[in-house]
Amino acid sequence: MSDPPILTQIDAFTDQPFSGNPAAVLVLDEPADAAWMQAVAGEVNLSETAFLVPRPGPDPAWSLRWFTPTVEVDLCGHATLASAHHLFVDHAVAQPELRFDTRSGRLTARRLDDGWIELDFPADPSVPVDPPDGLLSALGVTAADVVAVARGRFDLLVEVTRPEVVRAVDPDHRVLRTLPVRGISVTAPGDGGYDVVSRFFGPGSGVDEDPVTGSAHCTLGAYWGPKLGRTELLCRQASSRGGVVRVRMIEDGSPPWRHRVALAGQAVHALRRT
């Protein structure tokens, strides 16, 4: 590429700059080499960098790929939210719904009347598992703290007894990095007006703690929805930056948490680099 593309940094799942989860977004004229995109993501060194390429035609969409500093990932919520915000605001996209073609299939993002953006993502129901050796000690929690351990397509989920346990987790990332999963959600029933509280650790993907993880809520929603008897959840990710995700189960004639989940959030611009 002769001229460096413009990189926009957007904070997702927040309405305040320098909180939520930062993502870099680059809009390209044509597909780029994966090694180049990985090098850019490593240079930017945020949890995710999103690359968009327009796909015009009778069914217009955007090609969307996500990279951490070390790997390409199959699904990312906050960088998709950041991408949608960038297209709606900076590219003045007029249609209310955007379509993205990704490694997880067709995803959509639509503007809501209250200004939030809602993503239509695949739900990721989990199944109970025994905790892998070393998991609980690496998280710094005791067996008495743990209600259940489950595994979805990408991640482990550890339900603990209280929000205070979630906030107090101080993991040994070296040990977590050895587990054969993308990451680990630690979660509990919420407090302070939230239904669910969580934190997400992804050292296996090059991200020790992700500030707000949209894709993890595909599993969290599928887990907590039936457990709480709710189809809508207000979730708080209790990282140091913090963020809020609204989760809505999408009904299609079957148990809704088994198929699709809507993740809604806000986003704001933080930086622009050339």
C-alpha atoms as a PDB file:
ATOM      1  CA  MET A   1       0.000   0.000   0.000  1.00  0.00           C
ATOM      2  CA  SER A   2       1.499   3.338  -1.054  1.00  0.00           C
ATOM      3  CA  ASP A   3      -0.194   5.522   1.538  1.00  0.00           C
ATOM      4  CA  PRO A   4      -0.700   4.326   5.110  1.00  0.00           C
ATOM      5  CA  PRO A   5      -4.401   3.867   5.865  1.00  0.00           C
ATOM      6  CA  ILE A   6      -6.054   6.012   8.517  1.00  0.00           C
ATOM      7  CA  LEU A   7      -6.451   4.209  11.806  1.00  0.00           C
ATOM      8  CA  THR A   8      -9.283   5.257  14.106  1.00  0.00           C
ATOM      9  CA  GLN A   9      -9.309   4.170  17.753  1.00  0.00           C
ATOM     10  CA  ILE A  10     -12.781   3.788  19.232  1.00  0.00           C
ATOM     11  CA  ASP A  11     -13.732   2.874  22.791  1.00  0.00           C
ATOM     12  CA  ALA A  12     -16.572   0.342  22.766  1.00  0.00           C
ATOM     13  CA  PHE A  13     -19.248  -0.544  25.324  1.00  0.00           C
ATOM     14  CA  THR A  14     -18.940   2.863  26.939  1.00  0.00           C
ATOM     15  CA  ASP A  15     -20.114   6.451  26.460  1.00  0.00           C
ATOM     16  CA  GLN A  16     -16.914   7.944  27.907  1.00  0.00           C
ATOM     17  CA  PRO A  17     -13.530   8.157  26.135  1.00  0.00           C
ATOM     18  CA  PHE A  18     -10.700   6.155  27.696  1.00  0.00           C
ATOM     19  CA  SER A  19     -13.034   3.624  29.267  1.00  0.00           C
ATOM     20  CA  GLY A  20     -14.708   0.539  27.865  1.00  0.00           C
ATOM     21  CA  ASN A  21     -12.638  -1.499  25.416  1.00  0.00           C
ATOM     22  CA  PRO A  22     -10.454   0.246  22.811  1.00  0.00           C
ATOM     23  CA  ALA A  23     -10.347  -1.128  19.270  1.00  0.00           C
ATOM     24  CA  ALA A  24      -8.505   0.096  16.201  1.00  0.00           C
ATOM     25  CA  VAL A  25     -10.507   0.236  12.959  1.00  0.00           C
ATOM     26  CA  LEU A  26      -9.020   0.484   9.453  1.00  0.00           C
ATOM     27  CA  VAL A  27     -11.123   0.727   6.284  1.00  0.00           C
ATOM     28  CA  LEU A  28      -9.239  -0.642   3.260  1.00  0.00           C
ATOM     29  CA  ASP A  29     -10.012  -0.317  -0.446  1.00  0.00           C
ATOM     30  CA  GLU A  30      -9.181  -3.966  -1.115  1.00  0.00           C
ATOM     31  CA  PRO A  31      -8.303  -7.116   0.829  1.00  0.00           C
ATOM     32  CA  ALA A  32      -4.888  -7.086   2.454  1.00  0.00           C
ATOM     33  CA  ASP A  33      -2.371  -9.794   3.187  1.00  0.00           C
ATOM     34  CA  ALA A  34      -3.006 -11.525   6.507  1.00  0.00           C
ATOM     35  CA  ALA A  35       0.640 -11.178   7.559  1.00  0.00           C
ATOM     36  CA  TRP A  36       0.442  -7.411   7.002  1.00  0.00           C
ATOM     37  CA  MET A  37      -2.770  -7.147   9.031  1.00  0.00           C
ATOM     38  CA  GLN A  38      -1.192  -9.173  11.834  1.00  0.00           C
ATOM     39  CA  ALA A  39       1.849  -6.899  11.794  1.00  0.00           C
ATOM     40  CA  VAL A  40      -0.387  -3.829  12.001  1.00  0.00           C
ATOM     41  CA  ALA A  41      -2.276  -5.331  14.945  1.00  0.00           C
ATOM     42  CA  GLY A  42       0.986  -6.066  16.707  1.00  0.00           C
ATOM     43  CA  GLU A  43       2.165  -2.506  16.100  1.00  0.00           C
ATOM     44  CA  VAL A  44      -1.104  -1.020  17.377  1.00  0.00           C
ATOM     45  CA  ASN A  45      -1.005  -3.412  20.358  1.00  0.00           C
ATOM     46  CA  LEU A  46      -4.656  -3.132  21.355  1.00  0.00           C
ATOM     47  CA  SER A  47      -6.710  -6.181  22.260  1.00  0.00           C
ATOM     48  CA  GLU A  48      -8.280  -6.073  18.772  1.00  0.00           C
ATOM     49  CA  THR A  49      -7.703  -4.354  15.447  1.00  0.00           C
ATOM     50  CA  ALA A  50     -10.537  -4.572  12.899  1.00  0.00           C
ATOM     51  CA  PHE A  51     -10.035  -4.459   9.127  1.00  0.00           C
ATOM     52  CA  LEU A  52     -12.981  -3.546   6.892  1.00  0.00           C
ATOM     53  CA  VAL A  53     -13.256  -3.936   3.122  1.00  0.00           C
ATOM     54  CA  PRO A  54     -16.451  -2.918   1.273  1.00  0.00           C
ATOM     55  CA  ARG A  55     -18.286  -5.570  -0.748  1.00  0.00           C
ATOM     56  CA  PRO A  56     -20.608  -3.728  -3.138  1.00  0.00           C
ATOM     57  CA  GLY A  57     -23.278  -5.436  -5.204  1.00  0.00           C
ATOM     58  CA  PRO A  58     -26.899  -6.552  -4.925  1.00  0.00           C
ATOM     59  CA  ASP A  59     -26.272  -7.722  -1.331  1.00  0.00           C
ATOM     60  CA  PRO A  60     -23.796  -5.076  -0.112  1.00  0.00           C
ATOM     61  CA  ALA A  61     -21.789  -5.935   2.962  1.00  0.00           C
ATOM     62  CA  TRP A  62     -18.410  -5.380   4.567  1.00  0.00           C
ATOM     63  CA  SER A  63     -15.684  -7.956   4.933  1.00  0.00           C
ATOM     64  CA  LEU A  64     -14.560  -7.798   8.570  1.00  0.00           C
ATOM     65  CA  ARG A  65     -11.532  -9.467  10.148  1.00  0.00           C
ATOM     66  CA  TRP A  66     -10.232  -9.141  13.694  1.00  0.00           C
ATOM     67  CA  PHE A  67      -6.646  -9.494  14.961  1.00  0.00           C
ATOM     68  CA  THR A  68      -5.186  -9.410  18.452  1.00  0.00           C
ATOM     69  CA  PRO A  69      -1.490  -8.469  18.710  1.00  0.00           C
ATOM     70  CA  THR A  70      -0.633 -12.158  18.172  1.00  0.00           C
ATOM     71  CA  VAL A  71      -3.481 -14.011  16.366  1.00  0.00           C
ATOM     72  CA  GLU A  72      -6.508 -13.638  14.113  1.00  0.00           C
ATOM     73  CA  VAL A  73      -9.730 -14.469  15.982  1.00  0.00           C
ATOM     74  CA  ASP A  74     -13.034 -15.959  14.853  1.00  0.00           C
ATOM     75  CA  LEU A  75     -15.363 -13.595  16.719  1.00  0.00           C
ATOM     76  CA  CYS A  76     -15.030 -10.216  18.415  1.00  0.00           C
ATOM     77  CA  GLY A  77     -17.846  -8.088  19.777  1.00  0.00           C
ATOM     78  CA  HIS A  78     -16.196  -4.846  20.792  1.00  0.00           C
ATOM     79  CA  ALA A  79     -14.271  -4.399  17.527  1.00  0.00           C
ATOM     80  CA  THR A  80     -17.482  -5.084  15.589  1.00  0.00           C
ATOM     81  CA  LEU A  81     -19.276  -2.438  17.645  1.00  0.00           C
ATOM     82  CA  ALA A  82     -16.367  -0.050  17.033  1.00  0.00           C
ATOM     83  CA  SER A  83     -16.473  -0.808  13.299  1.00  0.00           C
ATOM     84  CA  ALA A  84     -20.208  -0.110  13.131  1.00  0.00           C
ATOM     85  CA  HIS A  85     -19.794   3.155  15.054  1.00  0.00           C
ATOM     86  CA  HIS A  86     -16.989   4.191  12.696  1.00  0.00           C
ATOM     87  CA  LEU A  87     -19.085   3.487   9.593  1.00  0.00           C
ATOM     88  CA  PHE A  88     -22.191   5.203  10.948  1.00  0.00           C
ATOM     89  CA  VAL A  89     -20.345   8.293  12.189  1.00  0.00           C
ATOM     90  CA  ASP A  90     -17.202   8.787  10.072  1.00  0.00           C
ATOM     91  CA  HIS A  91     -18.454   7.295   6.807  1.00  0.00           C
ATOM     92  CA  ALA A  92     -22.004   8.628   7.195  1.00  0.00           C
ATOM     93  CA  VAL A  93     -23.559   5.281   6.289  1.00  0.00           C
ATOM     94  CA  ALA A  94     -27.251   6.054   5.992  1.00  0.00           C
ATOM     95  CA  GLN A  95     -28.863   2.624   6.228  1.00  0.00           C
ATOM     96  CA  PRO A  96     -29.928   1.632   9.751  1.00  0.00           C
ATOM     97  CA  GLU A  97     -28.351  -1.830   9.502  1.00  0.00           C
ATOM     98  CA  LEU A  98     -24.855  -2.915   8.484  1.00  0.00           C
ATOM     99  CA  ARG A  99     -23.944  -6.408   7.307  1.00  0.00           C
ATOM    100  CA  PHE A 100     -20.535  -7.941   8.007  1.00  0.00           C
ATOM    101  CA  ASP A 101     -19.101 -11.118   6.462  1.00  0.00           C
ATOM    102  CA  THR A 102     -16.728 -12.718   8.961  1.00  0.00           C
ATOM    103  CA  ARG A 103     -15.108 -15.988   9.986  1.00  0.00           C
ATOM    104  CA  SER A 104     -18.246 -16.534  12.093  1.00  0.00           C
ATOM    105  CA  GLY A 105     -20.599 -15.964   9.165  1.00  0.00           C
ATOM    106  CA  ARG A 106     -22.888 -13.015   8.493  1.00  0.00           C
ATOM    107  CA  LEU A 107     -23.236 -10.603  11.416  1.00  0.00           C
ATOM    108  CA  THR A 108     -25.318  -7.438  11.549  1.00  0.00           C
ATOM    109  CA  ALA A 109     -25.246  -4.168  13.463  1.00  0.00           C
ATOM    110  CA  ARG A 110     -28.176  -1.760  13.658  1.00  0.00           C
ATOM    111  CA  ARG A 111     -28.732   1.642  15.199  1.00  0.00           C
ATOM    112  CA  LEU A 112     -31.346   1.746  17.934  1.00  0.00           C
ATOM    113  CA  ASP A 113     -33.594   4.686  18.703  1.00  0.00           C
ATOM    114  CA  ASP A 114     -31.713   5.413  21.938  1.00  0.00           C
ATOM    115  CA  GLY A 115     -28.382   5.741  20.107  1.00  0.00           C
ATOM    116  CA  TRP A 116     -27.008   2.348  21.126  1.00  0.00           C
ATOM    117  CA  ILE A 117     -25.832  -0.121  18.466  1.00  0.00           C
ATOM    118  CA  GLU A 118     -27.131  -3.687  18.597  1.00  0.00           C
ATOM    119  CA  LEU A 119     -25.122  -6.606  17.189  1.00  0.00           C
ATOM    120  CA  ASP A 120     -26.744  -9.868  16.066  1.00  0.00           C
ATOM    121  CA  PHE A 121     -24.297 -12.622  17.078  1.00  0.00           C
ATOM    122  CA  PRO A 122     -24.408 -16.409  17.406  1.00  0.00           C
ATOM    123  CA  ALA A 123     -25.221 -17.597  20.904  1.00  0.00           C
ATOM    124  CA  ASP A 124     -22.597 -19.871  22.450  1.00  0.00           C
ATOM    125  CA  PRO A 125     -24.247 -22.207  24.973  1.00  0.00           C
ATOM    126  CA  SER A 126     -21.855 -23.892  27.379  1.00  0.00           C
ATOM    127  CA  VAL A 127     -21.760 -27.354  28.928  1.00  0.00           C
ATOM    128  CA  PRO A 128     -20.624 -28.223  32.469  1.00  0.00           C
ATOM    129  CA  VAL A 129     -17.043 -29.427  32.773  1.00  0.00           C
ATOM    130  CA  ASP A 130     -14.607 -30.230  35.536  1.00  0.00           C
ATOM    131  CA  PRO A 131     -12.177 -27.370  36.123  1.00  0.00           C
ATOM    132  CA  PRO A 132      -8.849 -28.030  34.378  1.00  0.00           C
ATOM    133  CA  ASP A 133      -5.918 -28.674  36.659  1.00  0.00           C
ATOM    134  CA  GLY A 134      -4.528 -25.434  38.011  1.00  0.00           C
ATOM    135  CA  LEU A 135      -7.420 -23.243  36.856  1.00  0.00           C
ATOM    136  CA  LEU A 136      -8.834 -22.273  40.246  1.00  0.00           C
ATOM    137  CA  SER A 137      -5.452 -21.680  41.876  1.00  0.00           C
ATOM    138  CA  ALA A 138      -4.373 -19.610  38.849  1.00  0.00           C
ATOM    139  CA  LEU A 139      -7.487 -17.454  39.286  1.00  0.00           C
ATOM    140  CA  GLY A 140      -6.892 -17.189  43.029  1.00  0.00           C
ATOM    141  CA  VAL A 141     -10.307 -18.584  43.931  1.00  0.00           C
ATOM    142  CA  THR A 142     -11.144 -21.487  46.221  1.00  0.00           C
ATOM    143  CA  ALA A 143     -13.485 -24.383  45.519  1.00  0.00           C
ATOM    144  CA  ALA A 144     -15.887 -22.823  48.035  1.00  0.00           C
ATOM    145  CA  ASP A 145     -16.024 -19.690  45.851  1.00  0.00           C
ATOM    146  CA  VAL A 146     -17.035 -21.660  42.745  1.00  0.00           C
ATOM    147  CA  VAL A 147     -20.632 -22.467  41.818  1.00  0.00           C
ATOM    148  CA  ALA A 148     -19.991 -24.054  38.410  1.00  0.00           C
ATOM    149  CA  VAL A 149     -17.476 -24.377  35.588  1.00  0.00           C
ATOM    150  CA  ALA A 150     -18.639 -24.672  31.979  1.00  0.00           C
ATOM    151  CA  ARG A 151     -17.151 -24.527  28.519  1.00  0.00           C
ATOM    152  CA  GLY A 152     -18.493 -22.917  25.348  1.00  0.00           C
ATOM    153  CA  ARG A 153     -17.089 -22.980  21.838  1.00  0.00           C
ATOM    154  CA  PHE A 154     -14.255 -20.586  22.637  1.00  0.00           C
ATOM    155  CA  ASP A 155     -13.986 -20.055  26.390  1.00  0.00           C
ATOM    156  CA  LEU A 156     -14.270 -21.441  29.870  1.00  0.00           C
ATOM    157  CA  LEU A 157     -16.870 -19.888  32.187  1.00  0.00           C
ATOM    158  CA  VAL A 158     -16.375 -19.929  35.953  1.00  0.00           C
ATOM    159  CA  GLU A 159     -19.398 -18.888  38.021  1.00  0.00           C
ATOM    160  CA  VAL A 160     -18.460 -17.719  41.506  1.00  0.00           C
ATOM    161  CA  THR A 161     -20.631 -16.926  44.484  1.00  0.00           C
ATOM    162  CA  ARG A 162     -20.458 -13.130  44.689  1.00  0.00           C
ATOM    163  CA  PRO A 163     -19.506 -10.066  42.630  1.00  0.00           C
ATOM    164  CA  GLU A 164     -16.792  -9.303  45.176  1.00  0.00           C
ATOM    165  CA  VAL A 165     -15.049 -12.555  44.223  1.00  0.00           C
ATOM    166  CA  VAL A 166     -15.086 -11.518  40.548  1.00  0.00           C
ATOM    167  CA  ARG A 167     -13.561  -8.136  41.332  1.00  0.00           C
ATOM    168  CA  ALA A 168     -10.882  -9.656  43.584  1.00  0.00           C
ATOM    169  CA  VAL A 169      -9.542 -12.146  41.024  1.00  0.00           C
ATOM    170  CA  ASP A 170      -5.796 -11.610  40.505  1.00  0.00           C
ATOM    171  CA  PRO A 171      -4.802 -14.338  38.054  1.00  0.00           C
ATOM    172  CA  ASP A 172      -1.519 -15.978  37.269  1.00  0.00           C
ATOM    173  CA  HIS A 173      -1.551 -15.312  33.527  1.00  0.00           C
ATOM    174  CA  ARG A 174       1.417 -17.591  32.963  1.00  0.00           C
ATOM    175  CA  VAL A 175      -0.669 -20.573  34.076  1.00  0.00           C
ATOM    176  CA  LEU A 176      -3.809 -19.436  32.267  1.00  0.00           C
ATOM    177  CA  ARG A 177      -1.782 -19.171  29.076  1.00  0.00           C
ATOM    178  CA  THR A 178      -1.232 -22.941  29.141  1.00  0.00           C
ATOM    179  CA  LEU A 179      -4.952 -23.780  29.009  1.00  0.00           C
ATOM    180  CA  PRO A 180      -6.270 -24.867  25.575  1.00  0.00           C
ATOM    181  CA  VAL A 181      -8.972 -22.176  25.371  1.00  0.00           C
ATOM    182  CA  ARG A 182      -9.263 -18.670  23.961  1.00  0.00           C
ATOM    183  CA  GLY A 183     -10.046 -17.260  27.415  1.00  0.00           C
ATOM    184  CA  ILE A 184     -11.798 -17.534  30.757  1.00  0.00           C
ATOM    185  CA  SER A 185     -14.855 -15.608  31.962  1.00  0.00           C
ATOM    186  CA  VAL A 186     -15.279 -15.279  35.721  1.00  0.00           C
ATOM    187  CA  THR A 187     -18.838 -14.283  36.519  1.00  0.00           C
ATOM    188  CA  ALA A 188     -21.431 -13.902  39.278  1.00  0.00           C
ATOM    189  CA  PRO A 189     -24.925 -12.501  39.764  1.00  0.00           C
ATOM    190  CA  GLY A 190     -24.721  -8.745  39.479  1.00  0.00           C
ATOM    191  CA  ASP A 191     -25.094  -5.912  41.940  1.00  0.00           C
ATOM    192  CA  GLY A 192     -25.632  -2.176  41.673  1.00  0.00           C
ATOM    193  CA  GLY A 193     -28.532  -2.591  39.260  1.00  0.00           C
ATOM    194  CA  TYR A 194     -26.775  -5.078  36.966  1.00  0.00           C
ATOM    195  CA  ASP A 195     -28.014  -8.617  36.365  1.00  0.00           C
ATOM    196  CA  VAL A 196     -24.573 -10.094  35.703  1.00  0.00           C
ATOM    197  CA  VAL A 197     -21.006  -9.085  36.494  1.00  0.00           C
ATOM    198  CA  SER A 198     -17.937 -10.615  34.859  1.00  0.00           C
ATOM    199  CA  ARG A 199     -14.285 -10.281  33.940  1.00  0.00           C
ATOM    200  CA  PHE A 200     -12.515 -11.918  31.010  1.00  0.00           C
ATOM    201  CA  PHE A 201      -8.944 -13.184  30.796  1.00  0.00           C
ATOM    202  CA  GLY A 202      -7.492 -14.195  27.416  1.00  0.00           C
ATOM    203  CA  PRO A 203      -3.749 -14.784  27.752  1.00  0.00           C
ATOM    204  CA  GLY A 204      -3.998 -17.635  25.246  1.00  0.00           C
ATOM    205  CA  SER A 205      -4.970 -14.990  22.669  1.00  0.00           C
ATOM    206  CA  GLY A 206      -2.312 -12.491  23.712  1.00  0.00           C
ATOM    207  CA  VAL A 207      -4.636 -10.436  25.961  1.00  0.00           C
ATOM    208  CA  ASP A 208      -4.126 -10.915  29.699  1.00  0.00           C
ATOM    209  CA  GLU A 209      -7.371  -9.142  30.643  1.00  0.00           C
ATOM    210  CA  ASP A 210      -9.816  -7.822  28.076  1.00  0.00           C
ATOM    211  CA  PRO A 211     -11.614  -4.703  29.344  1.00  0.00           C
ATOM    212  CA  VAL A 212     -15.067  -5.502  27.855  1.00  0.00           C
ATOM    213  CA  THR A 213     -15.612  -8.641  25.793  1.00  0.00           C
ATOM    214  CA  GLY A 214     -18.672  -8.685  23.561  1.00  0.00           C
ATOM    215  CA  SER A 215     -18.161 -12.226  22.283  1.00  0.00           C
ATOM    216  CA  ALA A 216     -17.860 -13.580  25.839  1.00  0.00           C
ATOM    217  CA  HIS A 217     -21.436 -12.389  26.380  1.00  0.00           C
ATOM    218  CA  CYS A 218     -22.567 -14.845  23.703  1.00  0.00           C
ATOM    219  CA  THR A 219     -21.716 -17.473  26.317  1.00  0.00           C
ATOM    220  CA  LEU A 220     -22.678 -15.392  29.362  1.00  0.00           C
ATOM    221  CA  GLY A 221     -26.117 -14.630  27.917  1.00  0.00           C
ATOM    222  CA  ALA A 222     -26.740 -18.255  27.022  1.00  0.00           C
ATOM    223  CA  TYR A 223     -25.670 -19.251  30.548  1.00  0.00           C
ATOM    224  CA  TRP A 224     -27.430 -16.636  32.652  1.00  0.00           C
ATOM    225  CA  GLY A 225     -30.586 -16.201  30.555  1.00  0.00           C
ATOM    226  CA  PRO A 226     -32.196 -19.529  31.447  1.00  0.00           C
ATOM    227  CA  LYS A 227     -30.635 -19.536  34.925  1.00  0.00           C
ATOM    228  CA  LEU A 228     -32.237 -16.187  35.797  1.00  0.00           C
ATOM    229  CA  GLY A 229     -35.363 -16.842  33.732  1.00  0.00           C
ATOM    230  CA  ARG A 230     -34.704 -13.685  31.708  1.00  0.00           C
ATOM    231  CA  THR A 231     -34.487 -12.920  27.995  1.00  0.00           C
ATOM    232  CA  GLU A 232     -32.874  -9.506  28.578  1.00  0.00           C
ATOM    233  CA  LEU A 233     -29.856  -8.865  30.792  1.00  0.00           C
ATOM    234  CA  LEU A 234     -27.889  -5.782  31.796  1.00  0.00           C
ATOM    235  CA  CYS A 235     -24.271  -6.875  32.204  1.00  0.00           C
ATOM    236  CA  ARG A 236     -21.274  -5.119  33.722  1.00  0.00           C
ATOM    237  CA  GLN A 237     -17.723  -6.161  32.896  1.00  0.00           C
ATOM    238  CA  ALA A 238     -15.756  -5.188  35.967  1.00  0.00           C
ATOM    239  CA  SER A 239     -12.295  -4.565  34.543  1.00  0.00           C
ATOM    240  CA  SER A 240     -10.355  -1.458  35.555  1.00  0.00           C
ATOM    241  CA  ARG A 241     -11.793   0.375  32.503  1.00  0.00           C
ATOM    242  CA  GLY A 242     -15.241  -1.205  32.832  1.00  0.00           C
ATOM    243  CA  GLY A 243     -18.136  -1.328  30.422  1.00  0.00           C
ATOM    244  CA  VAL A 244     -21.801  -2.205  29.952  1.00  0.00           C
ATOM    245  CA  VAL A 245     -23.381  -4.734  27.576  1.00  0.00           C
ATOM    246  CA  ARG A 246     -27.113  -5.167  27.088  1.00  0.00           C
ATOM    247  CA  VAL A 247     -27.884  -8.772  26.160  1.00  0.00           C
ATOM    248  CA  ARG A 248     -31.124  -9.854  24.501  1.00  0.00           C
ATOM    249  CA  MET A 249     -31.973 -13.420  23.531  1.00  0.00           C
ATOM    250  CA  ILE A 250     -33.320 -13.627  19.983  1.00  0.00           C
ATOM    251  CA  GLU A 251     -36.305 -15.954  19.719  1.00  0.00           C
ATOM    252  CA  ASP A 252     -36.754 -18.126  16.638  1.00  0.00           C
ATOM    253  CA  GLY A 253     -39.294 -20.714  17.821  1.00  0.00           C
ATOM    254  CA  SER A 254     -36.743 -22.642  19.863  1.00  0.00           C
ATOM    255  CA  PRO A 255     -35.157 -21.880  23.235  1.00  0.00           C
ATOM    256  CA  PRO A 256     -33.703 -18.475  22.313  1.00  0.00           C
ATOM    257  CA  TRP A 257     -30.439 -18.828  24.188  1.00  0.00           C
ATOM    258  CA  ARG A 258     -29.439 -21.742  21.947  1.00  0.00           C
ATOM    259  CA  HIS A 259     -29.286 -19.800  18.692  1.00  0.00           C
ATOM    260  CA  ARG A 260     -28.733 -16.024  18.473  1.00  0.00           C
ATOM    261  CA  VAL A 261     -28.016 -13.251  20.931  1.00  0.00           C
ATOM    262  CA  ALA A 262     -28.245  -9.475  20.509  1.00  0.00           C
ATOM    263  CA  LEU A 263     -25.467  -7.461  22.164  1.00  0.00           C
ATOM    264  CA  ALA A 264     -26.040  -3.729  22.486  1.00  0.00           C
ATOM    265  CA  GLY A 265     -23.552  -1.079  23.491  1.00  0.00           C
ATOM    266  CA  GLN A 266     -22.365   2.458  23.016  1.00  0.00           C
ATOM    267  CA  ALA A 267     -19.081   3.658  21.527  1.00  0.00           C
ATOM    268  CA  VAL A 268     -17.039   6.863  21.357  1.00  0.00           C
ATOM    269  CA  HIS A 269     -14.017   8.076  19.410  1.00  0.00           C
ATOM    270  CA  ALA A 270     -10.738   8.174  21.291  1.00  0.00           C
ATOM    271  CA  LEU A 271      -7.895   8.750  18.762  1.00  0.00           C
ATOM    272  CA  ARG A 272      -7.196   8.997  15.056  1.00  0.00           C
ATOM    273  CA  ARG A 273      -3.799   8.096  13.590  1.00  0.00           C
ATOM    274  CA  THR A 274      -2.428   8.373  10.050  1.00  0.00           C
END
